[in-house]
Amino acid sequence: MKKLVLAYSGGLDTSCAIKWLKDKGYDVVAFIADVGQNEDFEEIKKRALKTGASKVYALNLQKEFVEEYVFPALKACAVYENKYYLATALSRPLIAKYQVQVAQKENAIAIAHGCTGKGNDQVRFEVTARILNPTLEIIAPVREWEFKTREEEIDYALKHKIPCNVTKKSPYSVDINLFGRSIECGKLEDPWVEPPEEIYFLTQNPLNAPNKPTYIELEFEKGIPTKINGKKYLPVELLHTLNKIGGLNSVGRVDMVENRLVGIKSREIYENPAGTILHTAHNELETLVLDRETLHYKQGLSYKYAEMVYYGLWETPLKIQLDKYFDSVQKQVTGTIRLKLYKGTCTVVGRKSKYSRYKESMATYGKGDKFDQKLAEGFIKLWGTPYQK
């Protein structure tokens, strides 16, 4: 039998894919990537074997995910269309990287994924895989099989006794990792419908959040978060902690209509407690320590970087070059940001850094003012000279 490695999540699509691929004559090796889903991976492994996989790999990639994917994107201030913190997008090139490695170890001729033909993830998986190993065949069952709807997939799973956690009453497609969670499908496909509270998992209802605000102090060293309220955390532990604190205060819910790479608009719901807190704090620290021209120039590159991550171009030359640029910018992005979390809001209420470019003596309107206002007249005349007739 021809051997392939399937990126397996245990969800509806990949569970059906094992059976479907096996019926097509493939020996299916399932590959599970632990990027912080907080799931029972032993149970998922059993599910894959029961469905027909000949072997299952399960790798804990949380540390690498945070240090080599989440933090570089944080340094870049990468947020797609000013709302999406790229949690799912950042995990895909990492998963593809190890999927290719497993395929090479198993001498497989192909890899497969459970992505839909309408989505972005198919691009992220396949572009990364082809850069890393162009000899591997890529199979996308969801683009090829006979099922036209998720309801038909559910019927197929029921018919063949394929275990999965999706029902017709709860048809949502969910992806989760350490940096965030995405939810789509079902009634969410109508952009006029308010998301039901049942879809949320990382964040509680703002109505039930604490009636008193939570204050936290987040410390950064060269653009990397290192401490919460003075206590040092390892990267994975830090994100888990921020997710817990943010989720308790309902921070990080996003409801957006985004422009997918394939050309359609899609309504997406995201939960990003840690992502919201980290980006809010990091952006504020940069405004304190970077000079104006660097800050403004970087903002344009940040948008480009976010697009490249979203478009599946993680392993491309320009993205790698941009990482070098952002690393150089972060040399003085060291300091502490104080945040106020309250019923879904995340507000900066304090900032300090030994590299701060803010000078109270120049900004104050009170005693100690050292700004020579008489210089302003000449500055304004010179500034406006090119536009005078």
Protein backbone atom coordinates (compact mmCIF):
# COMPACT_ATOMS: atom_id res chain seq x y z
CA MET A 1 0.00 0.00 0.00
CA LYS A 2 1.10 3.57 -0.66
CA LYS A 3 2.01 5.27 2.60
CA LEU A 4 1.04 8.83 3.49
CA VAL A 5 1.14 11.01 6.59
CA LEU A 6 -2.08 12.78 7.54
CA ALA A 7 -2.08 15.90 9.71
CA TYR A 8 -4.68 14.63 12.18
CA SER A 9 -6.61 16.70 14.70
CA GLY A 10 -9.31 14.24 15.70
CA GLY A 11 -12.01 16.52 14.30
CA LEU A 12 -14.69 15.67 11.76
CA ASP A 13 -12.70 16.27 8.57
CA THR A 14 -9.52 14.41 9.50
CA SER A 15 -11.44 11.58 11.16
CA CYS A 16 -13.43 10.98 7.98
CA ALA A 17 -10.24 11.40 5.96
CA ILE A 18 -8.56 8.37 7.54
CA LYS A 19 -11.37 6.05 6.45
CA TRP A 20 -11.70 7.73 3.04
CA LEU A 21 -7.95 7.54 2.31
CA LYS A 22 -7.72 3.94 3.48
CA ASP A 23 -10.53 3.00 1.09
CA LYS A 24 -8.47 4.65 -1.68
CA GLY A 25 -5.63 2.23 -0.97
CA TYR A 26 -3.39 4.28 1.29
CA ASP A 27 -1.57 3.20 4.43
CA VAL A 28 -2.40 6.16 6.67
CA VAL A 29 0.04 7.35 9.33
CA ALA A 30 -1.58 9.96 11.56
CA PHE A 31 0.47 12.89 12.83
CA ILE A 32 -0.81 14.88 15.83
CA ALA A 33 0.82 18.19 16.77
CA ASP A 34 0.38 19.41 20.32
CA VAL A 35 0.45 23.20 20.00
CA GLY A 36 -1.44 23.78 23.22
CA GLN A 37 -4.92 22.45 22.52
CA ASN A 38 -5.08 21.06 26.05
CA GLU A 39 -6.72 17.88 24.80
CA ASP A 40 -6.43 14.21 25.72
CA PHE A 41 -3.92 13.16 23.08
CA GLU A 42 -3.89 9.54 24.22
CA GLU A 43 -7.61 9.42 23.51
CA ILE A 44 -7.10 11.11 20.13
CA LYS A 45 -4.39 8.56 19.27
CA LYS A 46 -6.79 5.73 20.13
CA ARG A 47 -9.44 7.40 17.96
CA ALA A 48 -7.06 7.55 14.99
CA LEU A 49 -6.09 3.88 15.35
CA LYS A 50 -9.72 2.83 15.75
CA THR A 51 -10.63 4.73 12.59
CA GLY A 52 -7.95 2.94 10.58
CA ALA A 53 -4.55 4.62 10.99
CA SER A 54 -1.66 2.14 10.98
CA LYS A 55 0.52 4.30 13.22
CA VAL A 56 0.22 7.56 15.15
CA TYR A 57 2.85 10.19 15.95
CA ALA A 58 2.07 12.77 18.62
CA LEU A 59 4.64 15.50 19.21
CA ASN A 60 4.60 18.25 21.82
CA LEU A 61 5.53 21.40 19.88
CA GLN A 62 4.32 24.01 22.35
CA LYS A 63 7.73 25.42 23.26
CA GLU A 64 8.85 25.79 19.66
CA PHE A 65 5.46 27.22 18.70
CA VAL A 66 5.72 30.02 21.25
CA GLU A 67 9.43 30.82 20.90
CA GLU A 68 9.86 30.45 17.13
CA TYR A 69 6.42 31.44 15.80
CA VAL A 70 4.33 33.41 18.31
CA PHE A 71 7.13 35.62 19.62
CA PRO A 72 8.53 36.58 16.18
CA ALA A 73 5.02 37.60 15.13
CA LEU A 74 4.67 39.58 18.35
CA LYS A 75 7.94 41.41 17.65
CA ALA A 76 6.54 42.23 14.24
CA CYS A 77 3.22 43.45 15.72
CA ALA A 78 1.58 41.18 13.15
CA VAL A 79 -2.23 41.45 13.21
CA TYR A 80 -4.15 40.60 10.05
CA GLU A 81 -6.64 43.31 9.06
CA ASN A 82 -6.12 44.94 12.47
CA LYS A 83 -8.14 42.25 14.27
CA TYR A 84 -6.81 38.71 13.80
CA TYR A 85 -3.79 37.76 15.92
CA LEU A 86 -2.98 34.87 13.56
CA ALA A 87 -3.14 32.06 16.12
CA THR A 88 -4.17 29.36 13.66
CA ALA A 89 -2.07 30.79 10.84
CA LEU A 90 1.08 30.69 12.96
CA SER A 91 0.64 27.03 13.88
CA ARG A 92 0.30 25.73 10.31
CA PRO A 93 3.89 26.10 9.05
CA LEU A 94 5.15 24.47 12.26
CA ILE A 95 2.78 21.52 11.83
CA ALA A 96 3.72 21.22 8.14
CA LYS A 97 7.42 21.23 9.03
CA TYR A 98 7.09 18.23 11.33
CA GLN A 99 4.61 16.48 9.06
CA VAL A 100 7.26 16.54 6.33
CA GLN A 101 9.84 15.20 8.78
CA VAL A 102 7.56 12.31 9.77
CA ALA A 103 6.88 11.56 6.10
CA GLN A 104 10.61 11.39 5.41
CA LYS A 105 11.15 9.14 8.43
CA GLU A 106 8.35 6.81 7.31
CA ASN A 107 9.45 6.84 3.66
CA ALA A 108 5.95 8.02 2.76
CA ILE A 109 5.22 9.16 -0.77
CA ALA A 110 2.61 11.71 0.24
CA ILE A 111 1.16 13.91 2.95
CA ALA A 112 -2.48 14.85 3.46
CA HIS A 113 -4.50 17.40 5.38
CA GLY A 114 -8.16 17.99 6.25
CA CYS A 115 -8.43 21.55 4.96
CA THR A 116 -11.34 22.78 2.89
CA GLY A 117 -10.84 24.19 -0.60
CA LYS A 118 -12.37 27.46 0.60
CA GLY A 119 -9.90 28.03 3.40
CA ASN A 120 -6.47 29.49 4.02
CA ASP A 121 -4.98 26.52 5.85
CA GLN A 122 -4.65 24.46 2.68
CA VAL A 123 -2.30 27.13 1.32
CA ARG A 124 -0.29 27.32 4.54
CA PHE A 125 0.23 23.56 4.70
CA GLU A 126 0.98 23.01 1.05
CA VAL A 127 3.23 26.00 0.34
CA THR A 128 5.34 25.18 3.42
CA ALA A 129 5.53 21.49 2.54
CA ARG A 130 6.53 22.15 -1.06
CA ILE A 131 9.30 24.51 0.05
CA LEU A 132 10.65 21.94 2.52
CA ASN A 133 10.23 18.84 0.32
CA PRO A 134 8.88 19.32 -3.22
CA THR A 135 9.00 15.58 -3.96
CA LEU A 136 6.09 14.73 -1.67
CA GLU A 137 2.66 14.31 -3.20
CA ILE A 138 -0.05 16.32 -1.43
CA ILE A 139 -3.59 14.99 -1.06
CA ALA A 140 -6.53 17.09 0.14
CA PRO A 141 -9.53 14.76 0.67
CA VAL A 142 -11.98 17.57 1.48
CA ARG A 143 -11.31 19.10 -1.96
CA GLU A 144 -11.89 15.77 -3.68
CA TRP A 145 -14.44 13.67 -1.84
CA GLU A 146 -18.13 13.32 -2.54
CA PHE A 147 -19.48 15.10 0.52
CA LYS A 148 -20.98 18.50 -0.27
CA THR A 149 -21.87 19.56 3.28
CA ARG A 150 -20.70 18.98 6.84
CA GLU A 151 -24.05 17.26 7.43
CA GLU A 152 -23.13 14.66 4.81
CA GLU A 153 -19.76 14.20 6.51
CA ILE A 154 -21.51 13.64 9.84
CA ASP A 155 -23.76 11.02 8.19
CA TYR A 156 -20.64 9.31 6.78
CA ALA A 157 -19.02 9.28 10.22
CA LEU A 158 -22.13 7.84 11.82
CA LYS A 159 -22.50 5.19 9.11
CA HIS A 160 -18.93 3.97 9.55
CA LYS A 161 -18.91 4.43 13.33
CA ILE A 162 -16.15 7.02 13.13
CA PRO A 163 -15.81 8.74 16.53
CA CYS A 164 -15.90 12.56 16.37
CA ASN A 165 -17.14 15.39 18.55
CA VAL A 166 -19.28 17.22 15.97
CA THR A 167 -23.05 16.89 15.70
CA LYS A 168 -25.72 18.45 13.47
CA LYS A 169 -26.87 20.45 16.49
CA SER A 170 -23.34 21.80 17.02
CA PRO A 171 -21.77 21.92 13.55
CA TYR A 172 -19.06 24.44 14.37
CA SER A 173 -15.55 24.07 13.04
CA VAL A 174 -13.08 24.90 15.81
CA ASP A 175 -9.31 25.23 15.90
CA ILE A 176 -7.44 25.90 19.12
CA ASN A 177 -3.86 26.30 20.19
CA LEU A 178 -1.91 28.02 22.97
CA PHE A 179 -2.22 31.42 21.31
CA GLY A 180 -5.93 31.43 20.52
CA ARG A 181 -9.07 29.77 19.27
CA SER A 182 -11.12 30.15 16.07
CA ILE A 183 -14.77 29.21 15.50
CA GLU A 184 -16.73 29.14 12.24
CA CYS A 185 -19.62 27.42 10.41
CA GLY A 186 -23.23 26.87 11.50
CA LYS A 187 -25.28 29.95 12.33
CA LEU A 188 -22.09 32.02 12.41
CA GLU A 189 -22.13 32.05 8.62
CA ASP A 190 -24.83 34.74 8.80
CA PRO A 191 -22.89 37.95 9.60
CA TRP A 192 -26.06 39.51 11.08
CA VAL A 193 -26.44 36.80 13.76
CA GLU A 194 -24.92 37.50 17.17
CA PRO A 195 -22.58 34.68 18.21
CA PRO A 196 -24.28 32.45 20.78
CA GLU A 197 -22.54 32.23 24.14
CA GLU A 198 -22.19 28.47 23.74
CA ILE A 199 -19.38 28.83 21.18
CA TYR A 200 -16.93 30.43 23.62
CA PHE A 201 -14.48 28.39 25.62
CA LEU A 202 -11.45 30.48 26.61
CA THR A 203 -13.37 33.58 27.69
CA GLN A 204 -16.36 33.82 29.99
CA ASN A 205 -19.41 35.99 29.36
CA PRO A 206 -18.55 39.63 30.15
CA LEU A 207 -21.75 39.80 32.20
CA ASN A 208 -20.26 37.19 34.53
CA ALA A 209 -16.76 38.66 34.66
CA PRO A 210 -15.49 40.19 37.92
CA ASN A 211 -17.06 43.52 38.86
CA LYS A 212 -13.65 44.85 39.87
CA PRO A 213 -10.87 45.36 37.31
CA THR A 214 -7.77 43.19 37.32
CA TYR A 215 -4.42 44.98 37.04
CA ILE A 216 -1.33 43.25 35.71
CA GLU A 217 2.21 44.38 34.98
CA LEU A 218 3.86 42.77 31.96
CA GLU A 219 7.63 43.02 31.54
CA PHE A 220 9.48 42.71 28.23
CA GLU A 221 13.14 42.17 27.35
CA LYS A 222 14.06 43.02 23.76
CA GLY A 223 10.47 42.56 22.66
CA ILE A 224 9.93 39.24 24.47
CA PRO A 225 7.51 39.01 27.44
CA THR A 226 9.29 37.58 30.47
CA LYS A 227 7.43 38.50 33.67
CA ILE A 228 3.88 38.94 34.95
CA ASN A 229 3.58 41.04 38.11
CA GLY A 230 7.30 40.67 38.75
CA LYS A 231 7.30 36.88 38.51
CA LYS A 232 9.39 35.31 35.75
CA TYR A 233 7.68 32.74 33.52
CA LEU A 234 8.88 30.36 30.85
CA PRO A 235 7.27 31.16 27.47
CA VAL A 236 4.66 28.38 27.43
CA GLU A 237 3.71 28.95 31.06
CA LEU A 238 3.44 32.69 30.43
CA LEU A 239 0.88 32.22 27.66
CA HIS A 240 -1.15 29.75 29.70
CA THR A 241 -1.21 32.25 32.57
CA LEU A 242 -2.27 35.18 30.38
CA ASN A 243 -5.00 33.06 28.80
CA LYS A 244 -6.36 32.27 32.25
CA ILE A 245 -6.22 35.88 33.50
CA GLY A 246 -7.58 37.31 30.26
CA GLY A 247 -10.29 34.70 29.89
CA LEU A 248 -11.54 35.32 33.42
CA ASN A 249 -11.96 38.99 32.49
CA SER A 250 -13.55 38.20 29.09
CA VAL A 251 -10.62 39.74 27.21
CA GLY A 252 -9.87 38.70 23.64
CA ARG A 253 -13.16 38.11 21.82
CA VAL A 254 -13.08 39.07 18.14
CA ASP A 255 -15.96 38.96 15.65
CA MET A 256 -14.87 39.89 12.13
CA VAL A 257 -15.53 39.49 8.44
CA GLU A 258 -12.10 38.88 6.95
CA ASN A 259 -10.72 38.63 3.44
CA ARG A 260 -9.48 35.13 2.82
CA LEU A 261 -6.57 34.50 0.50
CA VAL A 262 -8.75 32.50 -1.93
CA GLY A 263 -10.82 35.61 -2.64
CA ILE A 264 -13.95 35.23 -0.51
CA LYS A 265 -15.04 37.00 2.65
CA SER A 266 -15.58 34.87 5.73
CA ARG A 267 -17.15 35.57 9.10
CA GLU A 268 -14.82 34.39 11.85
CA ILE A 269 -14.99 34.37 15.62
CA TYR A 270 -11.75 34.36 17.59
CA GLU A 271 -10.78 34.11 21.24
CA ASN A 272 -7.34 35.54 21.98
CA PRO A 273 -6.89 36.40 25.67
CA ALA A 274 -3.10 36.08 25.70
CA GLY A 275 -2.74 37.52 22.21
CA THR A 276 -4.80 40.61 23.03
CA ILE A 277 -2.87 41.29 26.22
CA LEU A 278 0.55 40.73 24.64
CA HIS A 279 -0.06 42.82 21.54
CA THR A 280 -1.68 45.65 23.48
CA ALA A 281 1.28 45.82 25.86
CA HIS A 282 3.98 45.34 23.22
CA ASN A 283 2.54 48.03 20.94
CA GLU A 284 2.44 50.49 23.83
CA LEU A 285 6.03 49.77 24.83
CA GLU A 286 7.18 50.42 21.27
CA THR A 287 5.45 53.81 21.25
CA LEU A 288 7.48 54.68 24.36
CA VAL A 289 10.95 53.59 23.21
CA LEU A 290 11.05 53.85 19.40
CA ASP A 291 11.72 57.07 17.56
CA ARG A 292 8.93 58.40 15.36
CA GLU A 293 10.38 57.44 11.96
CA THR A 294 11.23 53.89 13.03
CA LEU A 295 7.80 53.41 14.59
CA HIS A 296 5.92 54.69 11.53
CA TYR A 297 8.07 52.76 9.06
CA LYS A 298 7.70 49.57 11.08
CA GLN A 299 3.89 49.83 11.05
CA GLY A 300 3.81 49.35 7.28
CA LEU A 301 6.12 46.35 7.47
CA SER A 302 4.03 44.91 10.30
CA TYR A 303 0.99 44.87 8.06
CA LYS A 304 3.00 43.20 5.28
CA TYR A 305 4.36 40.60 7.71
CA ALA A 306 0.84 39.80 8.94
CA GLU A 307 -0.29 39.29 5.36
CA MET A 308 2.62 36.94 4.68
CA VAL A 309 1.83 34.83 7.74
CA TYR A 310 -1.86 34.77 6.80
CA TYR A 311 -0.99 33.85 3.19
CA GLY A 312 1.15 30.87 4.21
CA LEU A 313 4.51 32.43 3.27
CA TRP A 314 6.35 31.66 6.52
CA GLU A 315 9.33 29.91 4.90
CA THR A 316 9.84 32.47 2.13
CA PRO A 317 12.93 34.73 1.76
CA LEU A 318 11.17 38.05 2.40
CA LYS A 319 9.52 36.84 5.61
CA ILE A 320 12.86 35.54 6.89
CA GLN A 321 14.52 38.86 6.01
CA LEU A 322 11.80 40.78 7.83
CA ASP A 323 12.46 38.70 10.96
CA LYS A 324 16.02 40.04 10.95
CA TYR A 325 14.76 43.61 10.64
CA PHE A 326 12.24 43.25 13.48
CA ASP A 327 14.89 41.65 15.71
CA SER A 328 17.10 44.71 15.20
CA VAL A 329 14.23 47.06 16.08
CA GLN A 330 13.57 45.22 19.35
CA LYS A 331 16.97 45.93 20.91
CA GLN A 332 15.52 48.64 23.16
CA VAL A 333 11.96 47.29 23.48
CA THR A 334 12.53 46.56 27.15
CA GLY A 335 10.30 47.79 29.95
CA THR A 336 7.05 47.32 31.86
CA ILE A 337 3.45 47.96 30.85
CA ARG A 338 0.61 48.09 33.37
CA LEU A 339 -2.77 46.93 32.05
CA LYS A 340 -6.32 47.13 33.35
CA LEU A 341 -8.56 44.19 32.43
CA TYR A 342 -12.27 44.70 32.92
CA LYS A 343 -15.29 42.93 31.39
CA GLY A 344 -13.78 42.44 27.95
CA THR A 345 -11.54 45.50 27.80
CA CYS A 346 -7.76 45.59 27.96
CA THR A 347 -6.47 49.11 28.63
CA VAL A 348 -2.94 50.40 29.12
CA VAL A 349 -2.75 52.49 32.30
CA GLY A 350 1.01 52.73 32.83
CA ARG A 351 4.30 52.36 31.00
CA LYS A 352 7.99 52.65 31.89
CA SER A 353 11.36 51.78 30.37
CA LYS A 354 15.00 52.68 30.87
CA TYR A 355 15.01 53.37 27.12
CA SER A 356 11.99 55.67 27.24
CA ARG A 357 12.11 58.58 24.78
CA TYR A 358 9.38 60.41 26.68
CA LYS A 359 10.75 63.45 28.51
CA GLU A 360 8.38 65.08 30.96
CA SER A 361 10.43 68.27 30.91
CA MET A 362 9.69 68.65 27.21
CA ALA A 363 6.04 67.57 27.37
CA THR A 364 4.87 69.35 30.51
CA TYR A 365 2.79 72.52 30.57
CA GLY A 366 3.70 73.09 34.21
CA LYS A 367 6.82 73.97 36.12
CA GLY A 368 10.04 72.59 34.76
CA ASP A 369 9.05 73.12 31.12
CA LYS A 370 12.23 73.18 28.98
CA PHE A 371 10.55 73.37 25.59
CA ASP A 372 11.44 76.65 23.85
CA GLN A 373 8.10 77.67 22.35
CA LYS A 374 9.68 80.60 20.53
CA LEU A 375 11.29 78.14 18.13
CA ALA A 376 7.87 76.96 16.95
CA GLU A 377 7.20 79.98 14.73
CA GLY A 378 10.29 79.44 12.60
CA PHE A 379 9.65 75.69 12.44
CA ILE A 380 6.09 76.24 11.18
CA LYS A 381 7.23 78.69 8.50
CA LEU A 382 9.86 76.29 7.18
CA TRP A 383 7.49 73.33 7.38
CA GLY A 384 4.82 75.11 5.34
CA THR A 385 7.14 76.75 2.81
CA PRO A 386 6.72 74.09 0.03
CA TYR A 387 2.95 74.62 0.04
CA GLN A 388 2.84 78.42 -0.17
CA LYS A 389 2.02 80.13 -3.46
